[in-house]
N, C-alpha and C. Protein backbone atom coordinates (compact mmCIF):
# COMPACT_ATOMS: atom_id res chain seq x y z
N MET A 1 4.78 11.26 52.86
CA MET A 1 4.97 12.58 53.39
C MET A 1 6.16 13.27 52.74
N HIS A 2 7.29 12.56 52.66
CA HIS A 2 8.47 13.17 52.06
C HIS A 2 8.23 13.51 50.60
N GLY A 3 7.52 12.62 49.89
CA GLY A 3 7.20 12.86 48.49
C GLY A 3 6.37 14.11 48.32
N HIS A 4 5.41 14.33 49.22
CA HIS A 4 4.57 15.52 49.15
C HIS A 4 5.41 16.77 49.36
N LEU A 5 6.36 16.72 50.27
CA LEU A 5 7.24 17.86 50.50
C LEU A 5 8.10 18.13 49.27
N LEU A 6 8.57 17.08 48.63
CA LEU A 6 9.39 17.25 47.44
C LEU A 6 8.59 17.87 46.30
N ASP A 7 7.38 17.37 46.07
CA ASP A 7 6.61 17.94 44.96
C ASP A 7 6.18 19.37 45.24
N ARG A 8 5.92 19.69 46.49
CA ARG A 8 5.57 21.07 46.84
C ARG A 8 6.75 22.01 46.62
N ALA A 9 7.97 21.49 46.76
CA ALA A 9 9.18 22.29 46.55
C ALA A 9 9.55 22.36 45.08
N GLY A 10 8.79 21.71 44.22
CA GLY A 10 9.08 21.74 42.80
C GLY A 10 10.01 20.63 42.35
N LEU A 11 10.31 19.70 43.22
CA LEU A 11 11.21 18.59 42.91
C LEU A 11 10.40 17.38 42.47
N LEU A 12 9.68 17.55 41.36
CA LEU A 12 8.75 16.52 40.91
C LEU A 12 9.45 15.22 40.53
N ASP A 13 10.57 15.33 39.83
CA ASP A 13 11.28 14.11 39.43
C ASP A 13 11.80 13.36 40.65
N GLU A 14 12.27 14.10 41.64
CA GLU A 14 12.75 13.48 42.87
C GLU A 14 11.61 12.80 43.62
N ALA A 15 10.45 13.46 43.65
CA ALA A 15 9.28 12.87 44.31
C ALA A 15 8.87 11.59 43.59
N HIS A 16 8.90 11.62 42.26
CA HIS A 16 8.54 10.44 41.47
C HIS A 16 9.53 9.30 41.74
N SER A 17 10.81 9.62 41.81
CA SER A 17 11.82 8.60 42.11
C SER A 17 11.61 8.01 43.49
N LEU A 18 11.26 8.85 44.45
CA LEU A 18 11.00 8.37 45.80
C LEU A 18 9.83 7.40 45.82
N ILE A 19 8.79 7.73 45.09
CA ILE A 19 7.62 6.84 45.00
C ILE A 19 8.03 5.50 44.40
N GLY A 20 8.86 5.56 43.36
CA GLY A 20 9.31 4.33 42.71
C GLY A 20 10.20 3.46 43.58
N SER A 21 10.87 4.07 44.54
CA SER A 21 11.80 3.31 45.39
C SER A 21 11.17 2.84 46.70
N MET A 22 9.90 3.17 46.90
CA MET A 22 9.24 2.75 48.15
C MET A 22 9.09 1.23 48.19
N PRO A 23 9.20 0.64 49.37
CA PRO A 23 9.08 -0.82 49.47
C PRO A 23 7.66 -1.34 49.22
N MET A 24 6.67 -0.46 49.34
CA MET A 24 5.29 -0.88 49.07
C MET A 24 4.78 -0.15 47.83
N LYS A 25 3.71 -0.70 47.27
CA LYS A 25 3.12 -0.09 46.08
C LYS A 25 2.42 1.21 46.48
N ALA A 26 2.63 2.26 45.70
CA ALA A 26 2.00 3.55 45.98
C ALA A 26 0.49 3.45 45.80
N ASN A 27 -0.25 4.10 46.69
CA ASN A 27 -1.70 4.11 46.59
C ASN A 27 -2.17 5.40 45.92
N ALA A 28 -3.48 5.54 45.79
CA ALA A 28 -4.05 6.70 45.11
C ALA A 28 -3.75 8.00 45.83
N VAL A 29 -3.64 7.97 47.14
CA VAL A 29 -3.33 9.19 47.89
C VAL A 29 -1.94 9.70 47.52
N ILE A 30 -0.99 8.80 47.42
CA ILE A 30 0.38 9.18 47.08
C ILE A 30 0.44 9.72 45.66
N TRP A 31 -0.16 8.99 44.71
CA TRP A 31 -0.16 9.46 43.33
C TRP A 31 -0.94 10.77 43.19
N GLY A 32 -2.02 10.91 43.94
CA GLY A 32 -2.80 12.15 43.89
C GLY A 32 -2.01 13.34 44.39
N ALA A 33 -1.19 13.14 45.42
CA ALA A 33 -0.35 14.22 45.92
C ALA A 33 0.65 14.65 44.85
N LEU A 34 1.21 13.67 44.14
CA LEU A 34 2.16 14.01 43.08
C LEU A 34 1.44 14.72 41.93
N LEU A 35 0.24 14.29 41.61
CA LEU A 35 -0.53 14.97 40.56
C LEU A 35 -0.82 16.42 40.95
N SER A 36 -1.11 16.65 42.21
CA SER A 36 -1.32 18.03 42.69
C SER A 36 -0.04 18.85 42.55
N GLY A 37 1.09 18.23 42.83
CA GLY A 37 2.38 18.91 42.65
C GLY A 37 2.63 19.25 41.20
N CYS A 38 2.21 18.35 40.31
CA CYS A 38 2.35 18.62 38.87
C CYS A 38 1.51 19.83 38.47
N ARG A 39 0.35 19.97 39.07
CA ARG A 39 -0.49 21.13 38.78
C ARG A 39 0.17 22.41 39.27
N LEU A 40 0.70 22.35 40.46
CA LEU A 40 1.35 23.52 41.05
C LEU A 40 2.54 23.98 40.21
N HIS A 41 3.29 23.02 39.66
CA HIS A 41 4.52 23.35 38.93
C HIS A 41 4.42 23.07 37.44
N ARG A 42 3.20 22.85 36.95
CA ARG A 42 2.91 22.72 35.52
C ARG A 42 3.69 21.60 34.84
N GLY A 43 3.79 20.48 35.50
CA GLY A 43 4.50 19.33 34.94
C GLY A 43 3.57 18.42 34.15
N THR A 44 3.35 18.73 32.87
CA THR A 44 2.36 17.98 32.09
C THR A 44 2.80 16.56 31.77
N LYS A 45 4.05 16.35 31.40
CA LYS A 45 4.50 15.00 31.04
C LYS A 45 4.37 14.05 32.22
N LEU A 46 4.87 14.47 33.36
CA LEU A 46 4.78 13.63 34.55
C LEU A 46 3.32 13.44 34.95
N ALA A 47 2.52 14.48 34.80
CA ALA A 47 1.09 14.40 35.16
C ALA A 47 0.39 13.32 34.34
N GLU A 48 0.74 13.20 33.07
CA GLU A 48 0.14 12.16 32.23
C GLU A 48 0.49 10.77 32.76
N HIS A 49 1.75 10.59 33.15
CA HIS A 49 2.17 9.31 33.72
C HIS A 49 1.43 9.03 35.03
N VAL A 50 1.34 10.03 35.87
CA VAL A 50 0.67 9.87 37.16
C VAL A 50 -0.80 9.53 36.96
N LEU A 51 -1.45 10.17 36.00
CA LEU A 51 -2.86 9.87 35.75
C LEU A 51 -3.04 8.40 35.35
N LYS A 52 -2.12 7.87 34.56
CA LYS A 52 -2.21 6.45 34.19
C LYS A 52 -2.18 5.56 35.43
N GLN A 53 -1.34 5.92 36.39
CA GLN A 53 -1.27 5.15 37.64
C GLN A 53 -2.59 5.27 38.40
N LEU A 54 -3.13 6.48 38.44
CA LEU A 54 -4.38 6.70 39.17
C LEU A 54 -5.56 5.99 38.51
N ILE A 55 -5.56 5.94 37.19
CA ILE A 55 -6.65 5.25 36.48
C ILE A 55 -6.67 3.77 36.86
N GLN A 56 -5.50 3.19 37.03
CA GLN A 56 -5.44 1.78 37.44
C GLN A 56 -6.00 1.58 38.84
N LEU A 57 -5.76 2.56 39.71
CA LEU A 57 -6.17 2.42 41.11
C LEU A 57 -7.62 2.82 41.35
N GLU A 58 -8.06 3.87 40.68
CA GLU A 58 -9.43 4.36 40.89
C GLU A 58 -9.97 4.96 39.59
N PRO A 59 -10.33 4.11 38.64
CA PRO A 59 -10.80 4.59 37.34
C PRO A 59 -12.09 5.40 37.41
N TRP A 60 -12.84 5.27 38.45
CA TRP A 60 -14.11 5.97 38.63
C TRP A 60 -13.94 7.40 39.12
N ASN A 61 -12.75 7.79 39.55
CA ASN A 61 -12.54 9.11 40.15
C ASN A 61 -12.34 10.18 39.07
N SER A 62 -13.39 10.87 38.75
CA SER A 62 -13.33 11.89 37.70
C SER A 62 -12.48 13.09 38.10
N GLY A 63 -12.27 13.28 39.39
CA GLY A 63 -11.45 14.39 39.85
C GLY A 63 -10.03 14.34 39.32
N ASN A 64 -9.51 13.14 39.11
CA ASN A 64 -8.16 13.00 38.55
C ASN A 64 -8.10 13.53 37.13
N TYR A 65 -9.13 13.24 36.34
CA TYR A 65 -9.20 13.75 34.97
C TYR A 65 -9.33 15.27 34.95
N VAL A 66 -10.13 15.79 35.86
CA VAL A 66 -10.32 17.24 35.95
C VAL A 66 -9.00 17.91 36.29
N LEU A 67 -8.25 17.33 37.22
CA LEU A 67 -6.96 17.91 37.60
C LEU A 67 -6.00 17.92 36.42
N LEU A 68 -5.92 16.82 35.66
CA LEU A 68 -5.05 16.81 34.49
C LEU A 68 -5.53 17.83 33.46
N SER A 69 -6.83 17.95 33.28
CA SER A 69 -7.37 18.95 32.36
C SER A 69 -6.95 20.35 32.79
N ASN A 70 -6.98 20.62 34.08
CA ASN A 70 -6.56 21.93 34.59
C ASN A 70 -5.06 22.16 34.37
N ILE A 71 -4.27 21.10 34.48
CA ILE A 71 -2.83 21.22 34.22
C ILE A 71 -2.61 21.58 32.76
N TYR A 72 -3.30 20.90 31.85
CA TYR A 72 -3.21 21.24 30.43
C TYR A 72 -3.62 22.69 30.20
N ALA A 73 -4.72 23.10 30.78
CA ALA A 73 -5.22 24.46 30.57
C ALA A 73 -4.23 25.50 31.09
N SER A 74 -3.61 25.24 32.23
CA SER A 74 -2.65 26.21 32.78
C SER A 74 -1.40 26.32 31.92
N ASN A 75 -1.16 25.32 31.06
CA ASN A 75 -0.04 25.35 30.14
C ASN A 75 -0.47 25.71 28.72
N ASN A 76 -1.70 26.24 28.59
CA ASN A 76 -2.27 26.62 27.29
C ASN A 76 -2.32 25.47 26.30
N LYS A 77 -2.50 24.26 26.79
CA LYS A 77 -2.66 23.08 25.93
C LYS A 77 -4.15 22.76 25.84
N TRP A 78 -4.88 23.67 25.23
CA TRP A 78 -6.33 23.58 25.21
C TRP A 78 -6.82 22.34 24.48
N ASP A 79 -6.15 21.95 23.40
CA ASP A 79 -6.59 20.76 22.66
C ASP A 79 -6.47 19.51 23.52
N ASP A 80 -5.37 19.40 24.26
CA ASP A 80 -5.19 18.25 25.16
C ASP A 80 -6.23 18.28 26.26
N SER A 81 -6.51 19.48 26.76
CA SER A 81 -7.48 19.63 27.84
C SER A 81 -8.87 19.20 27.41
N SER A 82 -9.29 19.62 26.23
CA SER A 82 -10.64 19.29 25.78
C SER A 82 -10.76 17.82 25.40
N GLY A 83 -9.66 17.18 25.07
CA GLY A 83 -9.68 15.77 24.71
C GLY A 83 -10.00 14.84 25.86
N LEU A 84 -9.87 15.33 27.08
CA LEU A 84 -10.15 14.50 28.25
C LEU A 84 -11.64 14.42 28.56
N LEU A 85 -12.40 15.38 28.07
CA LEU A 85 -13.82 15.45 28.42
C LEU A 85 -14.68 14.60 27.53
């Protein structure tokens, strides 16, 4: 919950640090919330890292790839965006 509030406020690095310091392993819901925050605040580098975590947890979830593609597109990184498809 706190991580989601941090990423919504644009504090993506702080949210990522919070996830890393949690006593339990982050699940797909937690990583997905951070990926959504990356989309909101156009954090492409962190989004790439988050997607790697999500791929390990749920490689079948195409929505994660679509979200990263949308992040690339919103940053005019069309070549990166098309490379995901």
